[in-house]
Amino acid sequence: MTALTTALGLLPLLYADGTGSEVQRPLALVVMGGLVSSTLVTLLIIPSLYSFLGTRLRAVTGKNK
């Protein structure tokens, strides 16, 4: 939720066209991209990887929880 509010707060910087917008626009784009990608990694990739590796480890060691 915090990442979403931060990304929404950066939208005015992304669409600004006044003085200094040449610096603000790329900065806002990079920060928003980082927020979105880190959120997706945290919510999708890490749990999937954890589940996959846990299954493989149990298969190799022969231990069931």
Foldseek 3Di string as FASTA:
>chain_A
DVLVVVLVVLVCLCPDDDPPSVPSNVVSVVSNVVSVVVVCCVPPVVVVVVVVVVVVVCVVVVDDD
